[in-house]
């Protein structure tokens, strides 16, 4: 989970943990990339799903993280789903995130039921796809 606002991160983390989800929070894309790179070096993906804000302090945005996950790491939507949180209501910008490889978007302010539903759905789909890939 990539979010630079500690207040938002704490509230979202508590919300997700209520549903039994384990949340690893980092405050920057750079930190998220270090975690993913470390996991890859160990032969793991490093996460079941990535939840990221678009607008983050620092050099890189949530959009940049998406490009790294889909490009440099080569993780497809089924291997590592990415759910993007955005306060940008512009349909063109939202469409660009989907085209860049986001599995889905959640608009801010986040509505708990919608976020949890979308996150659990992405986890179920990814688990199903991984099981099918391991059977092949």
C-alpha atoms as a PDB file:
ATOM      1  CA  UNK A   1       0.000   0.000   0.000  1.00  0.00           C
ATOM      2  CA  UNK A   2       1.597   3.243  -1.159  1.00  0.00           C
ATOM      3  CA  UNK A   3       0.273   6.409   0.494  1.00  0.00           C
ATOM      4  CA  UNK A   4       2.230   9.447   1.649  1.00  0.00           C
ATOM      5  CA  UNK A   5      -0.420  10.809   4.015  1.00  0.00           C
ATOM      6  CA  UNK A   6       0.017   9.102   7.379  1.00  0.00           C
ATOM      7  CA  UNK A   7      -3.551   9.983   8.407  1.00  0.00           C
ATOM      8  CA  UNK A   8      -5.089   8.500   5.256  1.00  0.00           C
ATOM      9  CA  UNK A   9      -2.755   5.498   5.453  1.00  0.00           C
ATOM     10  CA  UNK A  10      -3.685   4.727   9.056  1.00  0.00           C
ATOM     11  CA  UNK A  11      -7.423   4.975   8.358  1.00  0.00           C
ATOM     12  CA  UNK A  12      -7.179   2.841   5.211  1.00  0.00           C
ATOM     13  CA  UNK A  13      -4.946   0.272   6.887  1.00  0.00           C
ATOM     14  CA  UNK A  14      -7.388  -0.122   9.786  1.00  0.00           C
ATOM     15  CA  UNK A  15     -10.253  -0.418   7.306  1.00  0.00           C
ATOM     16  CA  UNK A  16      -8.524  -3.213   5.376  1.00  0.00           C
ATOM     17  CA  UNK A  17      -7.285  -5.058   8.453  1.00  0.00           C
ATOM     18  CA  UNK A  18     -10.898  -5.241   9.691  1.00  0.00           C
ATOM     19  CA  UNK A  19     -11.486  -7.556   6.722  1.00  0.00           C
ATOM     20  CA  UNK A  20      -8.560  -9.776   7.620  1.00  0.00           C
ATOM     21  CA  UNK A  21      -6.146  -8.320   5.083  1.00  0.00           C
ATOM     22  CA  UNK A  22      -2.460  -7.932   5.902  1.00  0.00           C
ATOM     23  CA  UNK A  23      -1.244  -4.501   4.855  1.00  0.00           C
ATOM     24  CA  UNK A  24       2.366  -3.496   4.226  1.00  0.00           C
ATOM     25  CA  UNK A  25       2.480   0.301   3.990  1.00  0.00           C
ATOM     26  CA  UNK A  26       5.188   2.440   2.399  1.00  0.00           C
ATOM     27  CA  UNK A  27       5.147   6.188   1.838  1.00  0.00           C
ATOM     28  CA  UNK A  28       6.808   6.398  -1.584  1.00  0.00           C
ATOM     29  CA  UNK A  29       7.061   4.668  -4.924  1.00  0.00           C
ATOM     30  CA  UNK A  30      10.795   4.373  -4.367  1.00  0.00           C
ATOM     31  CA  UNK A  31      10.161   2.369  -1.158  1.00  0.00           C
ATOM     32  CA  UNK A  32       7.620   0.167  -2.963  1.00  0.00           C
ATOM     33  CA  UNK A  33      10.126  -0.552  -5.747  1.00  0.00           C
ATOM     34  CA  UNK A  34      12.763  -1.585  -3.185  1.00  0.00           C
ATOM     35  CA  UNK A  35      10.286  -4.059  -1.637  1.00  0.00           C
ATOM     36  CA  UNK A  36       9.348  -5.480  -5.044  1.00  0.00           C
ATOM     37  CA  UNK A  37      12.989  -5.727  -6.138  1.00  0.00           C
ATOM     38  CA  UNK A  38      13.977  -7.499  -2.904  1.00  0.00           C
ATOM     39  CA  UNK A  39      11.113  -9.961  -3.312  1.00  0.00           C
ATOM     40  CA  UNK A  40      12.010 -10.589  -6.960  1.00  0.00           C
ATOM     41  CA  UNK A  41      15.609 -11.338  -5.971  1.00  0.00           C
ATOM     42  CA  UNK A  42      14.182 -13.975  -3.601  1.00  0.00           C
ATOM     43  CA  UNK A  43      12.010 -15.469  -6.336  1.00  0.00           C
ATOM     44  CA  UNK A  44       8.786 -13.933  -5.009  1.00  0.00           C
ATOM     45  CA  UNK A  45       6.415 -11.272  -6.304  1.00  0.00           C
ATOM     46  CA  UNK A  46       6.313  -9.465  -2.963  1.00  0.00           C
ATOM     47  CA  UNK A  47       2.607  -8.676  -2.791  1.00  0.00           C
ATOM     48  CA  UNK A  48      -0.754 -10.174  -3.686  1.00  0.00           C
ATOM     49  CA  UNK A  49      -2.088  -6.799  -4.801  1.00  0.00           C
ATOM     50  CA  UNK A  50      -0.758  -3.232  -4.916  1.00  0.00           C
ATOM     51  CA  UNK A  51      -2.921  -0.367  -3.705  1.00  0.00           C
ATOM     52  CA  UNK A  52      -1.415   3.008  -4.568  1.00  0.00           C
ATOM     53  CA  UNK A  53      -2.344   6.647  -4.511  1.00  0.00           C
ATOM     54  CA  UNK A  54      -1.601   8.493  -7.760  1.00  0.00           C
ATOM     55  CA  UNK A  55      -0.322  11.745  -6.277  1.00  0.00           C
ATOM     56  CA  UNK A  56       2.632  11.130  -3.993  1.00  0.00           C
ATOM     57  CA  UNK A  57       5.419  13.281  -2.642  1.00  0.00           C
ATOM     58  CA  UNK A  58       8.763  12.516  -4.206  1.00  0.00           C
ATOM     59  CA  UNK A  59      10.028  11.995  -7.721  1.00  0.00           C
ATOM     60  CA  UNK A  60       7.677   9.183  -8.734  1.00  0.00           C
ATOM     61  CA  UNK A  61       3.875   8.960  -8.882  1.00  0.00           C
ATOM     62  CA  UNK A  62       1.494   6.028  -8.610  1.00  0.00           C
ATOM     63  CA  UNK A  63       1.431   6.093 -12.417  1.00  0.00           C
ATOM     64  CA  UNK A  64       5.195   5.600 -12.455  1.00  0.00           C
ATOM     65  CA  UNK A  65       4.849   2.643 -10.070  1.00  0.00           C
ATOM     66  CA  UNK A  66       2.313   1.130 -12.443  1.00  0.00           C
ATOM     67  CA  UNK A  67       4.738   1.509 -15.374  1.00  0.00           C
ATOM     68  CA  UNK A  68       7.523  -0.201 -13.396  1.00  0.00           C
ATOM     69  CA  UNK A  69       5.273  -3.085 -12.327  1.00  0.00           C
ATOM     70  CA  UNK A  70       3.943  -3.704 -15.836  1.00  0.00           C
ATOM     71  CA  UNK A  71       7.181  -2.878 -17.691  1.00  0.00           C
ATOM     72  CA  UNK A  72      10.411  -3.455 -15.764  1.00  0.00           C
ATOM     73  CA  UNK A  73       9.019  -6.220 -13.549  1.00  0.00           C
ATOM     74  CA  UNK A  74       6.820  -7.651 -16.309  1.00  0.00           C
ATOM     75  CA  UNK A  75       3.956  -8.484 -13.954  1.00  0.00           C
ATOM     76  CA  UNK A  76       0.664  -8.697 -15.820  1.00  0.00           C
ATOM     77  CA  UNK A  77      -2.695  -7.728 -14.355  1.00  0.00           C
ATOM     78  CA  UNK A  78      -3.350 -11.279 -13.195  1.00  0.00           C
ATOM     79  CA  UNK A  79       0.071 -11.808 -11.637  1.00  0.00           C
ATOM     80  CA  UNK A  80       0.152  -8.569  -9.617  1.00  0.00           C
ATOM     81  CA  UNK A  81      -3.085  -6.576  -9.644  1.00  0.00           C
ATOM     82  CA  UNK A  82      -2.764  -2.823  -9.121  1.00  0.00           C
ATOM     83  CA  UNK A  83      -5.633  -0.794  -7.695  1.00  0.00           C
ATOM     84  CA  UNK A  84      -5.125   2.969  -8.029  1.00  0.00           C
ATOM     85  CA  UNK A  85      -6.683   5.551  -5.737  1.00  0.00           C
ATOM     86  CA  UNK A  86      -7.183   8.949  -7.320  1.00  0.00           C
ATOM     87  CA  UNK A  87      -8.802  12.255  -6.501  1.00  0.00           C
ATOM     88  CA  UNK A  88      -8.673  13.163 -10.199  1.00  0.00           C
ATOM     89  CA  UNK A  89     -12.190  13.002 -11.645  1.00  0.00           C
ATOM     90  CA  UNK A  90     -10.990  13.682 -15.192  1.00  0.00           C
ATOM     91  CA  UNK A  91     -12.150  10.718 -17.337  1.00  0.00           C
ATOM     92  CA  UNK A  92      -9.169  11.086 -19.712  1.00  0.00           C
ATOM     93  CA  UNK A  93      -6.680  10.824 -16.835  1.00  0.00           C
ATOM     94  CA  UNK A  94      -8.563   7.857 -15.372  1.00  0.00           C
ATOM     95  CA  UNK A  95      -8.612   6.140 -18.772  1.00  0.00           C
ATOM     96  CA  UNK A  96      -4.849   6.714 -19.085  1.00  0.00           C
ATOM     97  CA  UNK A  97      -4.288   4.867 -15.779  1.00  0.00           C
ATOM     98  CA  UNK A  98      -6.359   1.915 -17.005  1.00  0.00           C
ATOM     99  CA  UNK A  99      -4.474   1.899 -20.325  1.00  0.00           C
ATOM    100  CA  UNK A 100      -1.181   1.984 -18.399  1.00  0.00           C
ATOM    101  CA  UNK A 101      -2.177  -1.252 -16.685  1.00  0.00           C
ATOM    102  CA  UNK A 102      -4.243  -0.428 -13.602  1.00  0.00           C
ATOM    103  CA  UNK A 103      -6.701  -3.224 -12.862  1.00  0.00           C
ATOM    104  CA  UNK A 104      -9.180  -0.738 -11.432  1.00  0.00           C
ATOM    105  CA  UNK A 105      -9.554   2.715  -9.898  1.00  0.00           C
ATOM    106  CA  UNK A 106     -11.041   3.953  -6.644  1.00  0.00           C
ATOM    107  CA  UNK A 107     -11.932   7.617  -6.398  1.00  0.00           C
ATOM    108  CA  UNK A 108     -10.996   9.645  -3.337  1.00  0.00           C
ATOM    109  CA  UNK A 109     -12.422  10.228  -0.866  1.00  0.00           C
ATOM    110  CA  UNK A 110     -12.500   6.457  -0.601  1.00  0.00           C
ATOM    111  CA  UNK A 111     -15.795   4.766   0.201  1.00  0.00           C
ATOM    112  CA  UNK A 112     -14.940   1.784   2.404  1.00  0.00           C
ATOM    113  CA  UNK A 113     -17.314  -0.793   0.943  1.00  0.00           C
ATOM    114  CA  UNK A 114     -16.309   0.024  -2.635  1.00  0.00           C
ATOM    115  CA  UNK A 115     -12.572  -0.138  -1.895  1.00  0.00           C
ATOM    116  CA  UNK A 116     -12.851  -3.424  -0.003  1.00  0.00           C
ATOM    117  CA  UNK A 117     -15.100  -4.976  -2.669  1.00  0.00           C
ATOM    118  CA  UNK A 118     -12.718  -4.018  -5.485  1.00  0.00           C
ATOM    119  CA  UNK A 119      -9.649  -5.147  -3.546  1.00  0.00           C
ATOM    120  CA  UNK A 120     -11.134  -8.523  -2.591  1.00  0.00           C
ATOM    121  CA  UNK A 121     -12.292  -9.040  -6.183  1.00  0.00           C
ATOM    122  CA  UNK A 122      -8.769  -8.410  -7.534  1.00  0.00           C
ATOM    123  CA  UNK A 123      -7.315 -10.797  -4.944  1.00  0.00           C
ATOM    124  CA  UNK A 124      -9.806 -13.547  -5.913  1.00  0.00           C
ATOM    125  CA  UNK A 125      -9.170 -13.153  -9.646  1.00  0.00           C
ATOM    126  CA  UNK A 126      -5.380 -13.159  -9.185  1.00  0.00           C
ATOM    127  CA  UNK A 127      -5.513 -16.226  -6.912  1.00  0.00           C
ATOM    128  CA  UNK A 128      -7.658 -18.056  -9.484  1.00  0.00           C
ATOM    129  CA  UNK A 129      -5.293 -17.143 -12.338  1.00  0.00           C
ATOM    130  CA  UNK A 130      -2.223 -18.216 -10.352  1.00  0.00           C
ATOM    131  CA  UNK A 131      -3.861 -21.561  -9.538  1.00  0.00           C
ATOM    132  CA  UNK A 132      -4.690 -22.109 -13.203  1.00  0.00           C
ATOM    133  CA  UNK A 133      -1.121 -21.221 -14.214  1.00  0.00           C
ATOM    134  CA  UNK A 134       0.351 -23.670 -11.720  1.00  0.00           C
ATOM    135  CA  UNK A 135      -1.884 -26.485 -13.067  1.00  0.00           C
ATOM    136  CA  UNK A 136      -0.714 -25.900 -16.649  1.00  0.00           C
END
